[in-house]
Amino acid sequence: MKASAKIRFGLPESTQISLVVYDVAGRKVSVLLDCIMEAGTHEVVFDASGLPVGSYVYQLITPGRSIARRMSMA
């Protein structure tokens, strides 16, 4: 079975964003987005096939804000 997670987020205005996934040791696993995105609600699929089962952290970075959340891949 393919391991994946949907990451949903909203942007109040068009802005530059980065969406990066790290393992629990803080190593960068994947850069999902690094671009300018329009305002609105967005959904990105993180394909974790080939990665070990466990916890990961994704970080959404905009010029005015940084949000980190934990997710588990089983």
PDB file of N, CA and C in Angstrom:
ATOM      1  N   MET A   1       0.838  -1.187   0.000  1.00  0.00           N
ATOM      2  CA  MET A   1       0.000   0.000   0.000  1.00  0.00           C
ATOM      3  C   MET A   1       0.881   1.247   0.000  1.00  0.00           C
ATOM      4  N   LYS A   2       0.517   2.229  -0.763  1.00  0.00           N
ATOM      5  CA  LYS A   2       1.276   3.458  -0.889  1.00  0.00           C
ATOM      6  C   LYS A   2       1.034   4.348   0.327  1.00  0.00           C
ATOM      7  N   ALA A   3       2.104   4.767   0.998  1.00  0.00           N
ATOM      8  CA  ALA A   3       2.000   5.651   2.155  1.00  0.00           C
ATOM      9  C   ALA A   3       1.986   7.096   1.680  1.00  0.00           C
ATOM     10  N   SER A   4       0.954   7.820   2.082  1.00  0.00           N
ATOM     11  CA  SER A   4       0.874   9.230   1.722  1.00  0.00           C
ATOM     12  C   SER A   4       0.034   9.969   2.756  1.00  0.00           C
ATOM     13  N   ALA A   5       0.172  11.273   2.772  1.00  0.00           N
ATOM     14  CA  ALA A   5      -0.607  12.124   3.666  1.00  0.00           C
ATOM     15  C   ALA A   5      -1.012  13.369   2.905  1.00  0.00           C
ATOM     16  N   LYS A   6      -2.220  13.856   3.174  1.00  0.00           N
ATOM     17  CA  LYS A   6      -2.688  15.103   2.582  1.00  0.00           C
ATOM     18  C   LYS A   6      -2.431  16.228   3.578  1.00  0.00           C
ATOM     19  N   ILE A   7      -1.799  17.272   3.106  1.00  0.00           N
ATOM     20  CA  ILE A   7      -1.527  18.451   3.926  1.00  0.00           C
ATOM     21  C   ILE A   7      -2.377  19.580   3.372  1.00  0.00           C
ATOM     22  N   ARG A   8      -3.279  20.095   4.214  1.00  0.00           N
ATOM     23  CA  ARG A   8      -4.174  21.178   3.799  1.00  0.00           C
ATOM     24  C   ARG A   8      -3.781  22.466   4.524  1.00  0.00           C
ATOM     25  N   PHE A   9      -3.855  23.561   3.793  1.00  0.00           N
ATOM     26  CA  PHE A   9      -3.563  24.854   4.407  1.00  0.00           C
ATOM     27  C   PHE A   9      -4.268  25.948   3.623  1.00  0.00           C
ATOM     28  N   GLY A  10      -4.461  27.088   4.280  1.00  0.00           N
ATOM     29  CA  GLY A  10      -5.103  28.232   3.653  1.00  0.00           C
ATOM     30  C   GLY A  10      -4.178  29.438   3.657  1.00  0.00           C
ATOM     31  N   LEU A  11      -4.298  30.225   2.625  1.00  0.00           N
ATOM     32  CA  LEU A  11      -3.515  31.452   2.512  1.00  0.00           C
ATOM     33  C   LEU A  11      -4.473  32.633   2.350  1.00  0.00           C
ATOM     34  N   PRO A  12      -4.321  33.679   3.170  1.00  0.00           N
ATOM     35  CA  PRO A  12      -5.213  34.831   3.059  1.00  0.00           C
ATOM     36  C   PRO A  12      -4.918  35.709   1.846  1.00  0.00           C
ATOM     37  N   GLU A  13      -3.703  35.591   1.295  1.00  0.00           N
ATOM     38  CA  GLU A  13      -3.314  36.380   0.125  1.00  0.00           C
ATOM     39  C   GLU A  13      -2.247  35.629  -0.659  1.00  0.00           C
ATOM     40  N   SER A  14      -2.031  36.030  -1.882  1.00  0.00           N
ATOM     41  CA  SER A  14      -0.964  35.421  -2.686  1.00  0.00           C
ATOM     42  C   SER A  14       0.373  35.724  -2.028  1.00  0.00           C
ATOM     43  N   THR A  15       1.225  34.691  -1.918  1.00  0.00           N
ATOM     44  CA  THR A  15       2.504  34.877  -1.246  1.00  0.00           C
ATOM     45  C   THR A  15       3.477  33.774  -1.618  1.00  0.00           C
ATOM     46  N   GLN A  16       4.746  34.023  -1.360  1.00  0.00           N
ATOM     47  CA  GLN A  16       5.788  33.011  -1.517  1.00  0.00           C
ATOM     48  C   GLN A  16       5.667  32.022  -0.359  1.00  0.00           C
ATOM     49  N   ILE A  17       5.690  30.726  -0.639  1.00  0.00           N
ATOM     50  CA  ILE A  17       5.644  29.735   0.432  1.00  0.00           C
ATOM     51  C   ILE A  17       6.673  28.642   0.185  1.00  0.00           C
ATOM     52  N   SER A  18       7.045  28.009   1.275  1.00  0.00           N
ATOM     53  CA  SER A  18       7.832  26.776   1.230  1.00  0.00           C
ATOM     54  C   SER A  18       7.121  25.775   2.117  1.00  0.00           C
ATOM     55  N   LEU A  19       7.006  24.556   1.657  1.00  0.00           N
ATOM     56  CA  LEU A  19       6.433  23.466   2.437  1.00  0.00           C
ATOM     57  C   LEU A  19       7.462  22.348   2.436  1.00  0.00           C
ATOM     58  N   VAL A  20       8.047  22.099   3.618  1.00  0.00           N
ATOM     59  CA  VAL A  20       9.171  21.175   3.741  1.00  0.00           C
ATOM     60  C   VAL A  20       8.834  20.110   4.777  1.00  0.00           C
ATOM     61  N   VAL A  21       9.241  18.867   4.509  1.00  0.00           N
ATOM     62  CA  VAL A  21       9.016  17.757   5.436  1.00  0.00           C
ATOM     63  C   VAL A  21      10.362  17.332   6.015  1.00  0.00           C
ATOM     64  N   TYR A  22      10.393  17.133   7.345  1.00  0.00           N
ATOM     65  CA  TYR A  22      11.586  16.700   8.065  1.00  0.00           C
ATOM     66  C   TYR A  22      11.299  15.412   8.816  1.00  0.00           C
ATOM     67  N   ASP A  23      12.337  14.596   9.034  1.00  0.00           N
ATOM     68  CA  ASP A  23      12.167  13.447   9.925  1.00  0.00           C
ATOM     69  C   ASP A  23      12.332  13.952  11.365  1.00  0.00           C
ATOM     70  N   VAL A  24      12.118  13.078  12.349  1.00  0.00           N
ATOM     71  CA  VAL A  24      12.163  13.519  13.746  1.00  0.00           C
ATOM     72  C   VAL A  24      13.564  13.914  14.201  1.00  0.00           C
ATOM     73  N   ALA A  25      14.585  13.547  13.438  1.00  0.00           N
ATOM     74  CA  ALA A  25      15.958  13.954  13.752  1.00  0.00           C
ATOM     75  C   ALA A  25      16.280  15.333  13.162  1.00  0.00           C
ATOM     76  N   GLY A  26      15.318  15.912  12.433  1.00  0.00           N
ATOM     77  CA  GLY A  26      15.513  17.235  11.859  1.00  0.00           C
ATOM     78  C   GLY A  26      16.125  17.246  10.478  1.00  0.00           C
ATOM     79  N   ARG A  27      16.277  16.073   9.874  1.00  0.00           N
ATOM     80  CA  ARG A  27      16.822  16.004   8.509  1.00  0.00           C
ATOM     81  C   ARG A  27      15.718  16.277   7.482  1.00  0.00           C
ATOM     82  N   LYS A  28      16.041  17.089   6.485  1.00  0.00           N
ATOM     83  CA  LYS A  28      15.078  17.399   5.432  1.00  0.00           C
ATOM     84  C   LYS A  28      14.825  16.150   4.605  1.00  0.00           C
ATOM     85  N   VAL A  29      13.548  15.783   4.477  1.00  0.00           N
ATOM     86  CA  VAL A  29      13.141  14.598   3.731  1.00  0.00           C
ATOM     87  C   VAL A  29      12.642  14.978   2.341  1.00  0.00           C
ATOM     88  N   SER A  30      11.892  16.079   2.263  1.00  0.00           N
ATOM     89  CA  SER A  30      11.300  16.465   0.989  1.00  0.00           C
ATOM     90  C   SER A  30      10.922  17.940   0.997  1.00  0.00           C
ATOM     91  N   VAL A  31      11.099  18.609  -0.135  1.00  0.00           N
ATOM     92  CA  VAL A  31      10.568  19.957  -0.338  1.00  0.00           C
ATOM     93  C   VAL A  31       9.359  19.788  -1.247  1.00  0.00           C
ATOM     94  N   LEU A  32       8.174  19.974  -0.681  1.00  0.00           N
ATOM     95  CA  LEU A  32       6.945  19.760  -1.440  1.00  0.00           C
ATOM     96  C   LEU A  32       6.586  20.968  -2.291  1.00  0.00           C
ATOM     97  N   LEU A  33       6.821  22.161  -1.756  1.00  0.00           N
ATOM     98  CA  LEU A  33       6.528  23.391  -2.489  1.00  0.00           C
ATOM     99  C   LEU A  33       7.590  24.436  -2.184  1.00  0.00           C
ATOM    100  N   ASP A  34       7.921  25.225  -3.164  1.00  0.00           N
ATOM    101  CA  ASP A  34       8.765  26.402  -2.996  1.00  0.00           C
ATOM    102  C   ASP A  34       8.403  27.333  -4.144  1.00  0.00           C
ATOM    103  N   CYS A  35       7.309  28.081  -3.945  1.00  0.00           N
ATOM    104  CA  CYS A  35       6.756  28.859  -5.045  1.00  0.00           C
ATOM    105  C   CYS A  35       5.824  29.945  -4.513  1.00  0.00           C
ATOM    106  N   ILE A  36       5.311  30.758  -5.423  1.00  0.00           N
ATOM    107  CA  ILE A  36       4.272  31.725  -5.081  1.00  0.00           C
ATOM    108  C   ILE A  36       2.934  31.033  -5.303  1.00  0.00           C
ATOM    109  N   MET A  37       2.058  31.124  -4.297  1.00  0.00           N
ATOM    110  CA  MET A  37       0.730  30.513  -4.416  1.00  0.00           C
ATOM    111  C   MET A  37      -0.340  31.569  -4.222  1.00  0.00           C
ATOM    112  N   GLU A  38      -1.448  31.361  -4.882  1.00  0.00           N
ATOM    113  CA  GLU A  38      -2.585  32.262  -4.794  1.00  0.00           C
ATOM    114  C   GLU A  38      -3.299  32.099  -3.453  1.00  0.00           C
ATOM    115  N   ALA A  39      -4.067  33.098  -3.071  1.00  0.00           N
ATOM    116  CA  ALA A  39      -4.884  33.021  -1.864  1.00  0.00           C
ATOM    117  C   ALA A  39      -5.898  31.894  -2.012  1.00  0.00           C
ATOM    118  N   GLY A  40      -6.275  31.301  -0.875  1.00  0.00           N
ATOM    119  CA  GLY A  40      -7.283  30.252  -0.887  1.00  0.00           C
ATOM    120  C   GLY A  40      -6.822  29.028  -0.122  1.00  0.00           C
ATOM    121  N   THR A  41      -7.621  27.980  -0.220  1.00  0.00           N
ATOM    122  CA  THR A  41      -7.338  26.720   0.450  1.00  0.00           C
ATOM    123  C   THR A  41      -6.616  25.794  -0.526  1.00  0.00           C
ATOM    124  N   HIS A  42      -5.577  25.153  -0.028  1.00  0.00           N
ATOM    125  CA  HIS A  42      -4.750  24.294  -0.873  1.00  0.00           C
ATOM    126  C   HIS A  42      -4.557  22.938  -0.207  1.00  0.00           C
ATOM    127  N   GLU A  43      -4.298  21.919  -1.018  1.00  0.00           N
ATOM    128  CA  GLU A  43      -4.033  20.571  -0.515  1.00  0.00           C
ATOM    129  C   GLU A  43      -2.858  19.999  -1.307  1.00  0.00           C
ATOM    130  N   VAL A  44      -1.872  19.481  -0.577  1.00  0.00           N
ATOM    131  CA  VAL A  44      -0.684  18.890  -1.191  1.00  0.00           C
ATOM    132  C   VAL A  44      -0.563  17.465  -0.663  1.00  0.00           C
ATOM    133  N   VAL A  45      -0.236  16.523  -1.530  1.00  0.00           N
ATOM    134  CA  VAL A  45      -0.055  15.136  -1.121  1.00  0.00           C
ATOM    135  C   VAL A  45       1.433  14.863  -0.922  1.00  0.00           C
ATOM    136  N   PHE A  46       1.759  14.369   0.270  1.00  0.00           N
ATOM    137  CA  PHE A  46       3.122  13.962   0.593  1.00  0.00           C
ATOM    138  C   PHE A  46       3.218  12.466   0.357  1.00  0.00           C
ATOM    139  N   ASP A  47       3.997  12.064  -0.644  1.00  0.00           N
ATOM    140  CA  ASP A  47       4.194  10.651  -0.976  1.00  0.00           C
ATOM    141  C   ASP A  47       5.358  10.130  -0.144  1.00  0.00           C
ATOM    142  N   ALA A  48       5.049   9.284   0.840  1.00  0.00           N
ATOM    143  CA  ALA A  48       6.068   8.767   1.759  1.00  0.00           C
ATOM    144  C   ALA A  48       6.512   7.358   1.402  1.00  0.00           C
ATOM    145  N   SER A  49       6.151   6.881   0.216  1.00  0.00           N
ATOM    146  CA  SER A  49       6.596   5.540  -0.164  1.00  0.00           C
ATOM    147  C   SER A  49       8.121   5.537  -0.225  1.00  0.00           C
ATOM    148  N   GLY A  50       8.709   4.509   0.308  1.00  0.00           N
ATOM    149  CA  GLY A  50      10.155   4.415   0.348  1.00  0.00           C
ATOM    150  C   GLY A  50      10.765   4.996   1.615  1.00  0.00           C
ATOM    151  N   LEU A  51       9.943   5.636   2.438  1.00  0.00           N
ATOM    152  CA  LEU A  51      10.431   6.187   3.701  1.00  0.00           C
ATOM    153  C   LEU A  51      10.028   5.271   4.855  1.00  0.00           C
ATOM    154  N   PRO A  52      10.804   5.271   5.936  1.00  0.00           N
ATOM    155  CA  PRO A  52      10.450   4.429   7.077  1.00  0.00           C
ATOM    156  C   PRO A  52       9.144   4.878   7.744  1.00  0.00           C
ATOM    157  N   VAL A  53       8.462   3.926   8.348  1.00  0.00           N
ATOM    158  CA  VAL A  53       7.272   4.228   9.143  1.00  0.00           C
ATOM    159  C   VAL A  53       7.715   5.071  10.325  1.00  0.00           C
ATOM    160  N   GLY A  54       6.884   6.045  10.713  1.00  0.00           N
ATOM    161  CA  GLY A  54       7.226   6.857  11.878  1.00  0.00           C
ATOM    162  C   GLY A  54       6.636   8.242  11.792  1.00  0.00           C
ATOM    163  N   SER A  55       7.145   9.124  12.629  1.00  0.00           N
ATOM    164  CA  SER A  55       6.668  10.501  12.698  1.00  0.00           C
ATOM    165  C   SER A  55       7.533  11.411  11.843  1.00  0.00           C
ATOM    166  N   TYR A  56       6.873  12.386  11.246  1.00  0.00           N
ATOM    167  CA  TYR A  56       7.532  13.401  10.442  1.00  0.00           C
ATOM    168  C   TYR A  56       6.950  14.759  10.820  1.00  0.00           C
ATOM    169  N   VAL A  57       7.672  15.811  10.489  1.00  0.00           N
ATOM    170  CA  VAL A  57       7.205  17.169  10.750  1.00  0.00           C
ATOM    171  C   VAL A  57       7.185  17.911   9.426  1.00  0.00           C
ATOM    172  N   TYR A  58       6.058  18.581   9.149  1.00  0.00           N
ATOM    173  CA  TYR A  58       6.053  19.448   7.978  1.00  0.00           C
ATOM    174  C   TYR A  58       6.021  20.895   8.453  1.00  0.00           C
ATOM    175  N   GLN A  59       6.707  21.742   7.711  1.00  0.00           N
ATOM    176  CA  GLN A  59       6.797  23.154   8.054  1.00  0.00           C
ATOM    177  C   GLN A  59       6.358  23.984   6.865  1.00  0.00           C
ATOM    178  N   LEU A  60       5.375  24.847   7.097  1.00  0.00           N
ATOM    179  CA  LEU A  60       4.881  25.781   6.092  1.00  0.00           C
ATOM    180  C   LEU A  60       5.466  27.149   6.430  1.00  0.00           C
ATOM    181  N   ILE A  61       6.228  27.705   5.501  1.00  0.00           N
ATOM    182  CA  ILE A  61       6.917  28.966   5.738  1.00  0.00           C
ATOM    183  C   ILE A  61       6.444  30.003   4.723  1.00  0.00           C
ATOM    184  N   THR A  62       5.985  31.149   5.238  1.00  0.00           N
ATOM    185  CA  THR A  62       5.639  32.301   4.418  1.00  0.00           C
ATOM    186  C   THR A  62       6.464  33.474   4.932  1.00  0.00           C
ATOM    187  N   PRO A  63       6.504  34.592   4.204  1.00  0.00           N
ATOM    188  CA  PRO A  63       7.302  35.717   4.687  1.00  0.00           C
ATOM    189  C   PRO A  63       6.929  36.192   6.102  1.00  0.00           C
ATOM    190  N   GLY A  64       5.678  36.055   6.502  1.00  0.00           N
ATOM    191  CA  GLY A  64       5.274  36.554   7.806  1.00  0.00           C
ATOM    192  C   GLY A  64       4.979  35.498   8.854  1.00  0.00           C
ATOM    193  N   ARG A  65       5.161  34.208   8.511  1.00  0.00           N
ATOM    194  CA  ARG A  65       4.720  33.165   9.430  1.00  0.00           C
ATOM    195  C   ARG A  65       5.403  31.834   9.126  1.00  0.00           C
ATOM    196  N   SER A  66       5.562  31.056  10.173  1.00  0.00           N
ATOM    197  CA  SER A  66       6.083  29.694  10.028  1.00  0.00           C
ATOM    198  C   SER A  66       5.268  28.780  10.940  1.00  0.00           C
ATOM    199  N   ILE A  67       4.741  27.714  10.364  1.00  0.00           N
ATOM    200  CA  ILE A  67       3.903  26.771  11.111  1.00  0.00           C
ATOM    201  C   ILE A  67       4.476  25.388  10.924  1.00  0.00           C
ATOM    202  N   ALA A  68       4.638  24.645  12.020  1.00  0.00           N
ATOM    203  CA  ALA A  68       5.129  23.263  11.960  1.00  0.00           C
ATOM    204  C   ALA A  68       4.085  22.356  12.594  1.00  0.00           C
ATOM    205  N   ARG A  69       3.859  21.202  11.981  1.00  0.00           N
ATOM    206  CA  ARG A  69       2.903  20.210  12.492  1.00  0.00           C
ATOM    207  C   ARG A  69       3.517  18.826  12.336  1.00  0.00           C
ATOM    208  N   ARG A  70       3.162  17.947  13.247  1.00  0.00           N
ATOM    209  CA  ARG A  70       3.653  16.570  13.210  1.00  0.00           C
ATOM    210  C   ARG A  70       2.627  15.690  12.492  1.00  0.00           C
ATOM    211  N   MET A  71       3.118  14.693  11.780  1.00  0.00           N
ATOM    212  CA  MET A  71       2.247  13.701  11.144  1.00  0.00           C
ATOM    213  C   MET A  71       2.907  12.336  11.276  1.00  0.00           C
ATOM    214  N   SER A  72       2.084  11.312  11.302  1.00  0.00           N
ATOM    215  CA  SER A  72       2.583   9.941  11.431  1.00  0.00           C
ATOM    216  C   SER A  72       2.324   9.182  10.152  1.00  0.00           C
ATOM    217  N   MET A  73       3.309   8.427   9.742  1.00  0.00           N
ATOM    218  CA  MET A  73       3.168   7.575   8.564  1.00  0.00           C
ATOM    219  C   MET A  73       3.227   6.133   9.048  1.00  0.00           C
ATOM    220  N   ALA A  74       2.158   5.391   8.775  1.00  0.00           N
ATOM    221  CA  ALA A  74       2.089   3.996   9.230  1.00  0.00           C
ATOM    222  C   ALA A  74       2.201   3.051   8.063  1.00  0.00           C
TER     223      ALA A  74
END
